[in-house]
Amino acid sequence: MGEKLSAFNPVDFLQGEAEIDEFLAEARIDENPDVFAIALGHVAKHRGGFTSSVETSLNTKNQTTTVESSPQPQSPAHRPPPKPIAHP
């Protein structure tokens, strides 16, 4: 009666990277995009990446990201074009 169940991760039963790749490929072609997101979470957790949103009861569709301003250099795609050099 006092049994503790752990979360099931199907990736724990796959044999090597080729099977993990096949697992992700099958999840990717599913018409429900949540299947692929969950599969990626299983792979990341298997590799020691993170706790999935399913386990933390977060809804990934309603999450927002806050980006703080910092004096970091802009990427080339966000810089204005250089001014032309005047020739004498």
PDB file of N, CA and C in Angstrom:
ATOM      1  N   MET A   1       0.809  -1.187   0.000  1.00  0.00           N
ATOM      2  CA  MET A   1       0.000   0.000   0.000  1.00  0.00           C
ATOM      3  C   MET A   1       0.860   1.262   0.000  1.00  0.00           C
ATOM      4  N   GLY A   2       2.046   1.220   0.545  1.00  0.00           N
ATOM      5  CA  GLY A   2       2.916   2.375   0.595  1.00  0.00           C
ATOM      6  C   GLY A   2       3.901   2.416  -0.561  1.00  0.00           C
ATOM      7  N   GLU A   3       3.501   1.875  -1.711  1.00  0.00           N
ATOM      8  CA  GLU A   3       4.392   1.866  -2.866  1.00  0.00           C
ATOM      9  C   GLU A   3       4.526   3.259  -3.456  1.00  0.00           C
ATOM     10  N   LYS A   4       5.749   3.605  -3.825  1.00  0.00           N
ATOM     11  CA  LYS A   4       5.974   4.875  -4.491  1.00  0.00           C
ATOM     12  C   LYS A   4       6.223   4.593  -5.962  1.00  0.00           C
ATOM     13  N   LEU A   5       5.424   5.210  -6.807  1.00  0.00           N
ATOM     14  CA  LEU A   5       5.582   5.030  -8.244  1.00  0.00           C
ATOM     15  C   LEU A   5       6.421   6.158  -8.805  1.00  0.00           C
ATOM     16  N   SER A   6       7.260   5.826  -9.767  1.00  0.00           N
ATOM     17  CA  SER A   6       8.054   6.856 -10.427  1.00  0.00           C
ATOM     18  C   SER A   6       7.476   7.120 -11.815  1.00  0.00           C
ATOM     19  N   ALA A   7       7.826   8.260 -12.363  1.00  0.00           N
ATOM     20  CA  ALA A   7       7.336   8.628 -13.692  1.00  0.00           C
ATOM     21  C   ALA A   7       7.902   7.660 -14.734  1.00  0.00           C
ATOM     22  N   PHE A   8       7.067   7.304 -15.684  1.00  0.00           N
ATOM     23  CA  PHE A   8       7.482   6.400 -16.750  1.00  0.00           C
ATOM     24  C   PHE A   8       8.135   7.215 -17.861  1.00  0.00           C
ATOM     25  N   ASN A   9       9.305   6.822 -18.268  1.00  0.00           N
ATOM     26  CA  ASN A   9       9.990   7.460 -19.382  1.00  0.00           C
ATOM     27  C   ASN A   9      10.320   6.387 -20.409  1.00  0.00           C
ATOM     28  N   PRO A  10       9.618   6.379 -21.547  1.00  0.00           N
ATOM     29  CA  PRO A  10       9.846   5.333 -22.542  1.00  0.00           C
ATOM     30  C   PRO A  10      11.262   5.340 -23.117  1.00  0.00           C
ATOM     31  N   VAL A  11      11.941   6.465 -23.061  1.00  0.00           N
ATOM     32  CA  VAL A  11      13.296   6.545 -23.613  1.00  0.00           C
ATOM     33  C   VAL A  11      14.261   5.690 -22.805  1.00  0.00           C
ATOM     34  N   ASP A  12      13.944   5.448 -21.533  1.00  0.00           N
ATOM     35  CA  ASP A  12      14.797   4.599 -20.702  1.00  0.00           C
ATOM     36  C   ASP A  12      14.890   3.169 -21.240  1.00  0.00           C
ATOM     37  N   PHE A  13      13.940   2.776 -22.075  1.00  0.00           N
ATOM     38  CA  PHE A  13      13.912   1.416 -22.601  1.00  0.00           C
ATOM     39  C   PHE A  13      14.438   1.311 -24.026  1.00  0.00           C
ATOM     40  N   LEU A  14      14.865   2.422 -24.605  1.00  0.00           N
ATOM     41  CA  LEU A  14      15.393   2.401 -25.965  1.00  0.00           C
ATOM     42  C   LEU A  14      16.870   2.033 -25.934  1.00  0.00           C
ATOM     43  N   GLN A  15      17.314   1.390 -26.994  1.00  0.00           N
ATOM     44  CA  GLN A  15      18.690   0.897 -27.075  1.00  0.00           C
ATOM     45  C   GLN A  15      19.500   1.769 -28.028  1.00  0.00           C
ATOM     46  N   GLY A  16      20.082   2.836 -27.535  1.00  0.00           N
ATOM     47  CA  GLY A  16      21.003   3.643 -28.326  1.00  0.00           C
ATOM     48  C   GLY A  16      20.365   4.814 -29.049  1.00  0.00           C
ATOM     49  N   GLU A  17      21.242   5.613 -29.657  1.00  0.00           N
ATOM     50  CA  GLU A  17      20.830   6.844 -30.328  1.00  0.00           C
ATOM     51  C   GLU A  17      19.943   6.593 -31.544  1.00  0.00           C
ATOM     52  N   ALA A  18      20.160   5.509 -32.259  1.00  0.00           N
ATOM     53  CA  ALA A  18      19.337   5.225 -33.443  1.00  0.00           C
ATOM     54  C   ALA A  18      17.877   5.032 -33.050  1.00  0.00           C
ATOM     55  N   GLU A  19      17.633   4.329 -31.965  1.00  0.00           N
ATOM     56  CA  GLU A  19      16.251   4.127 -31.507  1.00  0.00           C
ATOM     57  C   GLU A  19      15.659   5.418 -30.961  1.00  0.00           C
ATOM     58  N   ILE A  20      16.474   6.234 -30.317  1.00  0.00           N
ATOM     59  CA  ILE A  20      15.983   7.532 -29.837  1.00  0.00           C
ATOM     60  C   ILE A  20      15.614   8.410 -31.030  1.00  0.00           C
ATOM     61  N   ASP A  21      16.437   8.404 -32.071  1.00  0.00           N
ATOM     62  CA  ASP A  21      16.128   9.166 -33.283  1.00  0.00           C
ATOM     63  C   ASP A  21      14.824   8.698 -33.912  1.00  0.00           C
ATOM     64  N   GLU A  22      14.625   7.387 -33.951  1.00  0.00           N
ATOM     65  CA  GLU A  22      13.390   6.830 -34.513  1.00  0.00           C
ATOM     66  C   GLU A  22      12.184   7.220 -33.652  1.00  0.00           C
ATOM     67  N   PHE A  23      12.342   7.185 -32.341  1.00  0.00           N
ATOM     68  CA  PHE A  23      11.290   7.588 -31.407  1.00  0.00           C
ATOM     69  C   PHE A  23      10.868   9.036 -31.677  1.00  0.00           C
ATOM     70  N   LEU A  24      11.862   9.928 -31.837  1.00  0.00           N
ATOM     71  CA  LEU A  24      11.551  11.329 -32.115  1.00  0.00           C
ATOM     72  C   LEU A  24      10.929  11.516 -33.495  1.00  0.00           C
ATOM     73  N   ALA A  25      11.401  10.749 -34.472  1.00  0.00           N
ATOM     74  CA  ALA A  25      10.842  10.851 -35.821  1.00  0.00           C
ATOM     75  C   ALA A  25       9.374  10.440 -35.838  1.00  0.00           C
ATOM     76  N   GLU A  26       9.038   9.378 -35.125  1.00  0.00           N
ATOM     77  CA  GLU A  26       7.646   8.929 -35.052  1.00  0.00           C
ATOM     78  C   GLU A  26       6.776   9.962 -34.335  1.00  0.00           C
ATOM     79  N   ALA A  27       7.308  10.547 -33.271  1.00  0.00           N
ATOM     80  CA  ALA A  27       6.558  11.564 -32.542  1.00  0.00           C
ATOM     81  C   ALA A  27       6.359  12.809 -33.404  1.00  0.00           C
ATOM     82  N   ARG A  28       7.341  13.124 -34.224  1.00  0.00           N
ATOM     83  CA  ARG A  28       7.291  14.329 -35.065  1.00  0.00           C
ATOM     84  C   ARG A  28       6.189  14.252 -36.107  1.00  0.00           C
ATOM     85  N   ILE A  29       5.903  13.074 -36.618  1.00  0.00           N
ATOM     86  CA  ILE A  29       4.884  12.967 -37.675  1.00  0.00           C
ATOM     87  C   ILE A  29       3.469  12.830 -37.126  1.00  0.00           C
ATOM     88  N   ASP A  30       3.317  12.744 -35.817  1.00  0.00           N
ATOM     89  CA  ASP A  30       1.989  12.685 -35.222  1.00  0.00           C
ATOM     90  C   ASP A  30       1.271  14.001 -35.477  1.00  0.00           C
ATOM     91  N   GLU A  31      -0.029  13.928 -35.750  1.00  0.00           N
ATOM     92  CA  GLU A  31      -0.774  15.156 -36.053  1.00  0.00           C
ATOM     93  C   GLU A  31      -0.969  16.051 -34.832  1.00  0.00           C
ATOM     94  N   ASN A  32      -0.769  15.524 -33.642  1.00  0.00           N
ATOM     95  CA  ASN A  32      -0.864  16.325 -32.418  1.00  0.00           C
ATOM     96  C   ASN A  32       0.540  16.823 -32.070  1.00  0.00           C
ATOM     97  N   PRO A  33       0.794  18.150 -32.145  1.00  0.00           N
ATOM     98  CA  PRO A  33       2.138  18.659 -31.878  1.00  0.00           C
ATOM     99  C   PRO A  33       2.596  18.436 -30.438  1.00  0.00           C
ATOM    100  N   ASP A  34       1.675  18.219 -29.521  1.00  0.00           N
ATOM    101  CA  ASP A  34       2.049  17.964 -28.130  1.00  0.00           C
ATOM    102  C   ASP A  34       2.814  16.648 -27.990  1.00  0.00           C
ATOM    103  N   VAL A  35       2.555  15.698 -28.876  1.00  0.00           N
ATOM    104  CA  VAL A  35       3.238  14.402 -28.822  1.00  0.00           C
ATOM    105  C   VAL A  35       4.745  14.602 -29.013  1.00  0.00           C
ATOM    106  N   PHE A  36       5.122  15.449 -29.970  1.00  0.00           N
ATOM    107  CA  PHE A  36       6.544  15.699 -30.213  1.00  0.00           C
ATOM    108  C   PHE A  36       7.164  16.447 -29.037  1.00  0.00           C
ATOM    109  N   ALA A  37       6.454  17.427 -28.497  1.00  0.00           N
ATOM    110  CA  ALA A  37       6.972  18.181 -27.349  1.00  0.00           C
ATOM    111  C   ALA A  37       7.193  17.270 -26.149  1.00  0.00           C
ATOM    112  N   ILE A  38       6.269  16.369 -25.909  1.00  0.00           N
ATOM    113  CA  ILE A  38       6.411  15.429 -24.790  1.00  0.00           C
ATOM    114  C   ILE A  38       7.573  14.469 -25.044  1.00  0.00           C
ATOM    115  N   ALA A  39       7.716  14.000 -26.285  1.00  0.00           N
ATOM    116  CA  ALA A  39       8.824  13.108 -26.625  1.00  0.00           C
ATOM    117  C   ALA A  39      10.169  13.800 -26.408  1.00  0.00           C
ATOM    118  N   LEU A  40      10.275  15.061 -26.817  1.00  0.00           N
ATOM    119  CA  LEU A  40      11.516  15.805 -26.583  1.00  0.00           C
ATOM    120  C   LEU A  40      11.798  15.926 -25.087  1.00  0.00           C
ATOM    121  N   GLY A  41      10.751  16.137 -24.302  1.00  0.00           N
ATOM    122  CA  GLY A  41      10.919  16.211 -22.859  1.00  0.00           C
ATOM    123  C   GLY A  41      11.437  14.908 -22.279  1.00  0.00           C
ATOM    124  N   HIS A  42      10.907  13.785 -22.779  1.00  0.00           N
ATOM    125  CA  HIS A  42      11.377  12.474 -22.314  1.00  0.00           C
ATOM    126  C   HIS A  42      12.858  12.269 -22.643  1.00  0.00           C
ATOM    127  N   VAL A  43      13.251  12.665 -23.854  1.00  0.00           N
ATOM    128  CA  VAL A  43      14.650  12.499 -24.261  1.00  0.00           C
ATOM    129  C   VAL A  43      15.555  13.398 -23.418  1.00  0.00           C
ATOM    130  N   ALA A  44      15.139  14.635 -23.212  1.00  0.00           N
ATOM    131  CA  ALA A  44      15.950  15.558 -22.408  1.00  0.00           C
ATOM    132  C   ALA A  44      16.082  15.061 -20.970  1.00  0.00           C
ATOM    133  N   LYS A  45      14.995  14.572 -20.406  1.00  0.00           N
ATOM    134  CA  LYS A  45      15.062  14.075 -19.035  1.00  0.00           C
ATOM    135  C   LYS A  45      15.955  12.833 -18.959  1.00  0.00           C
ATOM    136  N   HIS A  46      15.857  11.973 -19.945  1.00  0.00           N
ATOM    137  CA  HIS A  46      16.698  10.769 -19.998  1.00  0.00           C
ATOM    138  C   HIS A  46      18.179  11.149 -20.014  1.00  0.00           C
ATOM    139  N   ARG A  47      18.483  12.233 -20.709  1.00  0.00           N
ATOM    140  CA  ARG A  47      19.873  12.688 -20.816  1.00  0.00           C
ATOM    141  C   ARG A  47      20.271  13.600 -19.655  1.00  0.00           C
ATOM    142  N   GLY A  48      19.381  13.785 -18.693  1.00  0.00           N
ATOM    143  CA  GLY A  48      19.699  14.616 -17.536  1.00  0.00           C
ATOM    144  C   GLY A  48      19.477  16.088 -17.768  1.00  0.00           C
ATOM    145  N   GLY A  49      18.575  16.421 -18.689  1.00  0.00           N
ATOM    146  CA  GLY A  49      18.374  17.809 -19.058  1.00  0.00           C
ATOM    147  C   GLY A  49      17.523  18.636 -18.131  1.00  0.00           C
ATOM    148  N   PHE A  50      16.272  18.270 -17.958  1.00  0.00           N
ATOM    149  CA  PHE A  50      15.379  19.112 -17.179  1.00  0.00           C
ATOM    150  C   PHE A  50      14.169  18.336 -16.706  1.00  0.00           C
ATOM    151  N   THR A  51      13.369  18.985 -15.845  1.00  0.00           N
ATOM    152  CA  THR A  51      12.101  18.424 -15.417  1.00  0.00           C
ATOM    153  C   THR A  51      11.052  18.878 -16.408  1.00  0.00           C
ATOM    154  N   SER A  52      10.269  17.968 -16.916  1.00  0.00           N
ATOM    155  CA  SER A  52       9.302  18.325 -17.942  1.00  0.00           C
ATOM    156  C   SER A  52       8.165  19.155 -17.371  1.00  0.00           C
ATOM    157  N   SER A  53       7.503  19.913 -18.245  1.00  0.00           N
ATOM    158  CA  SER A  53       6.397  20.761 -17.817  1.00  0.00           C
ATOM    159  C   SER A  53       5.218  19.921 -17.338  1.00  0.00           C
ATOM    160  N   VAL A  54       5.109  18.685 -17.814  1.00  0.00           N
ATOM    161  CA  VAL A  54       4.026  17.813 -17.362  1.00  0.00           C
ATOM    162  C   VAL A  54       4.190  17.528 -15.873  1.00  0.00           C
ATOM    163  N   GLU A  55       5.425  17.296 -15.440  1.00  0.00           N
ATOM    164  CA  GLU A  55       5.668  16.979 -14.040  1.00  0.00           C
ATOM    165  C   GLU A  55       5.526  18.197 -13.137  1.00  0.00           C
ATOM    166  N   THR A  56       5.781  19.380 -13.661  1.00  0.00           N
ATOM    167  CA  THR A  56       5.683  20.581 -12.844  1.00  0.00           C
ATOM    168  C   THR A  56       4.328  21.253 -12.989  1.00  0.00           C
ATOM    169  N   SER A  57       3.414  20.608 -13.699  1.00  0.00           N
ATOM    170  CA  SER A  57       2.045  21.091 -13.900  1.00  0.00           C
ATOM    171  C   SER A  57       1.985  22.446 -14.587  1.00  0.00           C
ATOM    172  N   LEU A  58       2.928  22.717 -15.463  1.00  0.00           N
ATOM    173  CA  LEU A  58       2.885  23.952 -16.229  1.00  0.00           C
ATOM    174  C   LEU A  58       2.229  23.686 -17.572  1.00  0.00           C
ATOM    175  N   ASN A  59       1.487  24.644 -18.050  1.00  0.00           N
ATOM    176  CA  ASN A  59       0.877  24.532 -19.360  1.00  0.00           C
ATOM    177  C   ASN A  59       1.774  25.274 -20.331  1.00  0.00           C
ATOM    178  N   THR A  60       2.437  24.568 -21.225  1.00  0.00           N
ATOM    179  CA  THR A  60       3.402  25.196 -22.121  1.00  0.00           C
ATOM    180  C   THR A  60       2.742  26.155 -23.094  1.00  0.00           C
ATOM    181  N   LYS A  61       1.457  26.018 -23.367  1.00  0.00           N
ATOM    182  CA  LYS A  61       0.791  26.917 -24.294  1.00  0.00           C
ATOM    183  C   LYS A  61       0.531  28.281 -23.669  1.00  0.00           C
ATOM    184  N   ASN A  62       0.531  28.378 -22.346  1.00  0.00           N
ATOM    185  CA  ASN A  62       0.234  29.640 -21.680  1.00  0.00           C
ATOM    186  C   ASN A  62       1.453  30.271 -21.025  1.00  0.00           C
ATOM    187  N   GLN A  63       2.615  29.724 -21.259  1.00  0.00           N
ATOM    188  CA  GLN A  63       3.819  30.280 -20.654  1.00  0.00           C
ATOM    189  C   GLN A  63       4.245  31.528 -21.409  1.00  0.00           C
ATOM    190  N   THR A  64       4.772  32.485 -20.674  1.00  0.00           N
ATOM    191  CA  THR A  64       5.329  33.675 -21.302  1.00  0.00           C
ATOM    192  C   THR A  64       6.786  33.783 -20.890  1.00  0.00           C
ATOM    193  N   THR A  65       7.558  34.403 -21.723  1.00  0.00           N
ATOM    194  CA  THR A  65       8.977  34.564 -21.449  1.00  0.00           C
ATOM    195  C   THR A  65       9.255  36.036 -21.200  1.00  0.00           C
ATOM    196  N   THR A  66       9.968  36.314 -20.142  1.00  0.00           N
ATOM    197  CA  THR A  66      10.361  37.679 -19.830  1.00  0.00           C
ATOM    198  C   THR A  66      11.838  37.830 -20.155  1.00  0.00           C
ATOM    199  N   VAL A  67      12.138  38.816 -20.954  1.00  0.00           N
ATOM    200  CA  VAL A  67      13.514  39.073 -21.324  1.00  0.00           C
ATOM    201  C   VAL A  67      13.904  40.420 -20.726  1.00  0.00           C
ATOM    202  N   GLU A  68      14.940  40.411 -19.915  1.00  0.00           N
ATOM    203  CA  GLU A  68      15.399  41.641 -19.304  1.00  0.00           C
ATOM    204  C   GLU A  68      16.370  42.342 -20.239  1.00  0.00           C
ATOM    205  N   SER A  69      16.301  43.667 -20.240  1.00  0.00           N
ATOM    206  CA  SER A  69      17.226  44.448 -21.057  1.00  0.00           C
ATOM    207  C   SER A  69      18.616  44.378 -20.451  1.00  0.00           C
ATOM    208  N   SER A  70      19.586  44.246 -21.287  1.00  0.00           N
ATOM    209  CA  SER A  70      20.965  44.250 -20.821  1.00  0.00           C
ATOM    210  C   SER A  70      21.824  44.897 -21.890  1.00  0.00           C
ATOM    211  N   PRO A  71      22.933  45.469 -21.510  1.00  0.00           N
ATOM    212  CA  PRO A  71      23.781  46.153 -22.487  1.00  0.00           C
ATOM    213  C   PRO A  71      24.634  45.182 -23.297  1.00  0.00           C
ATOM    214  N   GLN A  72      24.012  44.188 -23.863  1.00  0.00           N
ATOM    215  CA  GLN A  72      24.738  43.229 -24.686  1.00  0.00           C
ATOM    216  C   GLN A  72      24.768  43.731 -26.121  1.00  0.00           C
ATOM    217  N   PRO A  73      25.810  43.412 -26.861  1.00  0.00           N
ATOM    218  CA  PRO A  73      25.864  43.852 -28.251  1.00  0.00           C
ATOM    219  C   PRO A  73      24.757  43.206 -29.066  1.00  0.00           C
ATOM    220  N   GLN A  74      24.283  43.953 -30.042  1.00  0.00           N
ATOM    221  CA  GLN A  74      23.226  43.433 -30.905  1.00  0.00           C
ATOM    222  C   GLN A  74      23.817  42.473 -31.920  1.00  0.00           C
ATOM    223  N   SER A  75      22.976  41.549 -32.361  1.00  0.00           N
ATOM    224  CA  SER A  75      23.425  40.642 -33.404  1.00  0.00           C
ATOM    225  C   SER A  75      23.465  41.405 -34.722  1.00  0.00           C
ATOM    226  N   PRO A  76      24.223  40.946 -35.698  1.00  0.00           N
ATOM    227  CA  PRO A  76      24.312  41.657 -36.979  1.00  0.00           C
ATOM    228  C   PRO A  76      22.951  41.856 -37.642  1.00  0.00           C
ATOM    229  N   ALA A  77      22.016  40.978 -37.419  1.00  0.00           N
ATOM    230  CA  ALA A  77      20.699  41.107 -38.037  1.00  0.00           C
ATOM    231  C   ALA A  77      19.918  42.280 -37.461  1.00  0.00           C
ATOM    232  N   HIS A  78      20.282  42.746 -36.256  1.00  0.00           N
ATOM    233  CA  HIS A  78      19.538  43.824 -35.617  1.00  0.00           C
ATOM    234  C   HIS A  78      20.278  45.160 -35.640  1.00  0.00           C
ATOM    235  N   ARG A  79      21.447  45.193 -36.204  1.00  0.00           N
ATOM    236  CA  ARG A  79      22.203  46.446 -36.280  1.00  0.00           C
ATOM    237  C   ARG A  79      21.764  47.238 -37.509  1.00  0.00           C
ATOM    238  N   PRO A  80      21.765  48.559 -37.388  1.00  0.00           N
ATOM    239  CA  PRO A  80      21.473  49.352 -38.593  1.00  0.00           C
ATOM    240  C   PRO A  80      22.626  49.219 -39.575  1.00  0.00           C
ATOM    241  N   PRO A  81      22.367  49.402 -40.858  1.00  0.00           N
ATOM    242  CA  PRO A  81      23.454  49.284 -41.839  1.00  0.00           C
ATOM    243  C   PRO A  81      24.480  50.396 -41.622  1.00  0.00           C
ATOM    244  N   PRO A  82      25.744  50.129 -41.937  1.00  0.00           N
ATOM    245  CA  PRO A  82      26.766  51.167 -41.750  1.00  0.00           C
ATOM    246  C   PRO A  82      26.546  52.320 -42.724  1.00  0.00           C
ATOM    247  N   LYS A  83      26.983  53.503 -42.292  1.00  0.00           N
ATOM    248  CA  LYS A  83      26.870  54.695 -43.153  1.00  0.00           C
ATOM    249  C   LYS A  83      27.929  54.585 -44.250  1.00  0.00           C
ATOM    250  N   PRO A  84      27.583  55.044 -45.441  1.00  0.00           N
ATOM    251  CA  PRO A  84      28.573  54.985 -46.529  1.00  0.00           C
ATOM    252  C   PRO A  84      29.752  55.909 -46.241  1.00  0.00           C
ATOM    253  N   ILE A  85      30.900  55.542 -46.749  1.00  0.00           N
ATOM    254  CA  ILE A  85      32.111  56.345 -46.583  1.00  0.00           C
ATOM    255  C   ILE A  85      32.122  57.395 -47.690  1.00  0.00           C
ATOM    256  N   ALA A  86      32.330  58.658 -47.271  1.00  0.00           N
ATOM    257  CA  ALA A  86      32.369  59.751 -48.258  1.00  0.00           C
ATOM    258  C   ALA A  86      33.730  59.734 -48.956  1.00  0.00           C
ATOM    259  N   HIS A  87      33.724  59.772 -50.272  1.00  0.00           N
ATOM    260  CA  HIS A  87      34.959  59.819 -51.057  1.00  0.00           C
ATOM    261  C   HIS A  87      35.270  61.261 -51.410  1.00  0.00           C
ATOM    262  N   PRO A  88      36.563  61.665 -51.343  1.00  0.00           N
ATOM    263  CA  PRO A  88      36.929  63.064 -51.661  1.00  0.00           C
ATOM    264  C   PRO A  88      36.766  63.428 -53.115  1.00  0.00           C
TER     265      PRO A  88
END
